Amino acid sequence: MKLLLDQNISRKLVKELDNSFPGSNHVYLLNLQTATDEDVWNYARKNDFTIITQDSDFNERSLIFGYPPKVIWLRTGNTSTQNIKCLLIKHSQDILSFDKDKTLGCLQMF
């Protein structure tokens, strides 16, 4: 399972999450940092990514347009990159199960 980290999440996490989520990337590293949500959405869909974001916009998009791509919405508020890393690694099995579940388009994590 590949994660596409949105601009509001540190790109440093790509390397740190590689063992749990190989092939993951960040919008900045893909030169999508100024892309619209629609462009990021389409890129994720075409390239089999799950979007990781702290914005509600992608959740709303999944409700309107369905999925793929799937969305993981981090509802942690202002928190450190280290806390986000720990949250994703701690719940890596839940994330992998979410990816396989055909009935869910968005996973909210607190």
Protein backbone atom coordinates (compact mmCIF):
# COMPACT_ATOMS: atom_id res chain seq x y z
CA MET A 1 0.00 0.00 0.00
CA LYS A 2 1.38 3.37 -1.05
CA LEU A 3 0.59 6.58 0.79
CA LEU A 4 0.56 10.01 -0.82
CA LEU A 5 1.28 12.59 1.87
CA ASP A 6 -0.50 15.90 1.40
CA GLN A 7 1.33 19.20 1.69
CA ASN A 8 0.26 19.69 5.31
CA ILE A 9 2.31 16.64 6.37
CA SER A 10 6.10 16.66 6.47
CA ARG A 11 7.81 15.13 3.45
CA LYS A 12 10.44 13.73 5.84
CA LEU A 13 7.95 11.00 6.72
CA VAL A 14 8.28 9.35 3.30
CA LYS A 15 11.63 7.78 4.23
CA GLU A 16 10.57 7.06 7.80
CA LEU A 17 7.46 5.18 6.68
CA ASP A 18 9.17 3.20 3.93
CA ASN A 19 9.33 -0.06 5.91
CA SER A 20 5.61 -0.02 6.67
CA PHE A 21 4.38 1.62 3.45
CA PRO A 22 6.91 1.09 0.64
CA GLY A 23 6.48 3.22 -2.47
CA SER A 24 4.89 6.10 -0.57
CA ASN A 25 5.53 9.66 -1.68
CA HIS A 26 4.79 13.31 -0.94
CA VAL A 27 3.09 15.90 -3.14
CA TYR A 28 6.16 18.14 -2.87
CA LEU A 29 8.51 15.42 -4.08
CA LEU A 30 6.19 14.83 -7.05
CA ASN A 31 6.11 18.55 -7.88
CA LEU A 32 2.42 18.72 -6.94
CA GLN A 33 2.82 21.18 -4.05
CA THR A 34 0.81 23.85 -5.89
CA ALA A 35 -1.60 21.44 -7.56
CA THR A 36 -5.31 21.66 -6.88
CA ASP A 37 -7.05 19.07 -4.73
CA GLU A 38 -8.58 17.71 -7.92
CA ASP A 39 -5.13 17.25 -9.48
CA VAL A 40 -3.78 15.50 -6.37
CA TRP A 41 -6.92 13.32 -6.27
CA ASN A 42 -6.52 12.33 -9.91
CA TYR A 43 -2.81 11.62 -9.49
CA ALA A 44 -3.52 9.41 -6.48
CA ARG A 45 -6.25 7.54 -8.37
CA LYS A 46 -4.13 6.97 -11.48
CA ASN A 47 -1.10 5.84 -9.46
CA ASP A 48 -2.81 3.70 -6.80
CA PHE A 49 -2.07 5.89 -3.77
CA THR A 50 -4.06 6.42 -0.59
CA ILE A 51 -4.04 10.11 0.36
CA ILE A 52 -2.94 11.08 3.87
CA THR A 53 -4.11 14.54 4.87
CA GLN A 54 -5.08 16.77 7.75
CA ASP A 55 -7.66 18.60 5.63
CA SER A 56 -11.34 17.75 5.46
CA ASP A 57 -11.40 18.56 1.72
CA PHE A 58 -10.36 15.07 0.61
CA ASN A 59 -12.93 13.43 2.88
CA GLU A 60 -15.61 15.61 1.31
CA ARG A 61 -14.32 14.74 -2.15
CA SER A 62 -14.54 11.02 -1.34
CA LEU A 63 -18.16 11.46 -0.21
CA ILE A 64 -19.04 13.17 -3.50
CA PHE A 65 -16.94 11.20 -5.98
CA GLY A 66 -16.42 7.90 -4.20
CA TYR A 67 -13.12 6.08 -4.32
CA PRO A 68 -10.42 5.29 -5.30
CA PRO A 69 -8.41 6.94 -4.09
CA LYS A 70 -9.00 6.22 -0.46
CA VAL A 71 -8.30 8.89 2.14
CA ILE A 72 -6.79 8.77 5.60
CA TRP A 73 -7.83 11.92 7.40
CA LEU A 74 -5.59 12.73 10.37
CA ARG A 75 -7.70 14.65 12.84
CA THR A 76 -4.87 15.22 15.27
CA GLY A 77 -4.80 19.01 15.17
CA ASN A 78 -1.40 20.61 15.47
CA THR A 79 1.01 17.84 16.31
CA SER A 80 4.60 16.96 15.62
CA THR A 81 5.88 14.97 12.68
CA GLN A 82 7.09 12.37 15.18
CA ASN A 83 3.56 11.98 16.58
CA ILE A 84 2.15 11.49 13.08
CA LYS A 85 4.81 8.89 12.35
CA CYS A 86 4.02 7.03 15.58
CA LEU A 87 0.28 7.15 14.88
CA LEU A 88 0.67 5.72 11.38
CA ILE A 89 3.08 2.99 12.42
CA LYS A 90 1.03 2.07 15.49
CA HIS A 91 -2.07 1.69 13.30
CA SER A 92 -0.36 0.23 10.24
CA GLN A 93 -2.41 -2.98 10.43
CA ASP A 94 -5.63 -0.97 10.69
CA ILE A 95 -4.53 1.06 7.66
CA LEU A 96 -3.77 -2.09 5.67
CA SER A 97 -7.18 -3.53 6.63
CA PHE A 98 -8.84 -0.27 5.57
CA ASP A 99 -7.10 -0.50 2.21
CA LYS A 100 -8.63 -3.94 1.60
CA ASP A 101 -12.13 -2.99 2.78
CA LYS A 102 -14.27 -2.30 -0.30
CA THR A 103 -16.96 -0.52 1.75
CA LEU A 104 -14.87 2.34 3.19
CA GLY A 105 -13.43 5.37 1.41
CA CYS A 106 -12.14 7.40 4.35
CA LEU A 107 -10.41 6.41 7.56
CA GLN A 108 -10.34 9.06 10.28
CA MET A 109 -7.54 8.87 12.81
CA PHE A 110 -7.40 10.85 16.04
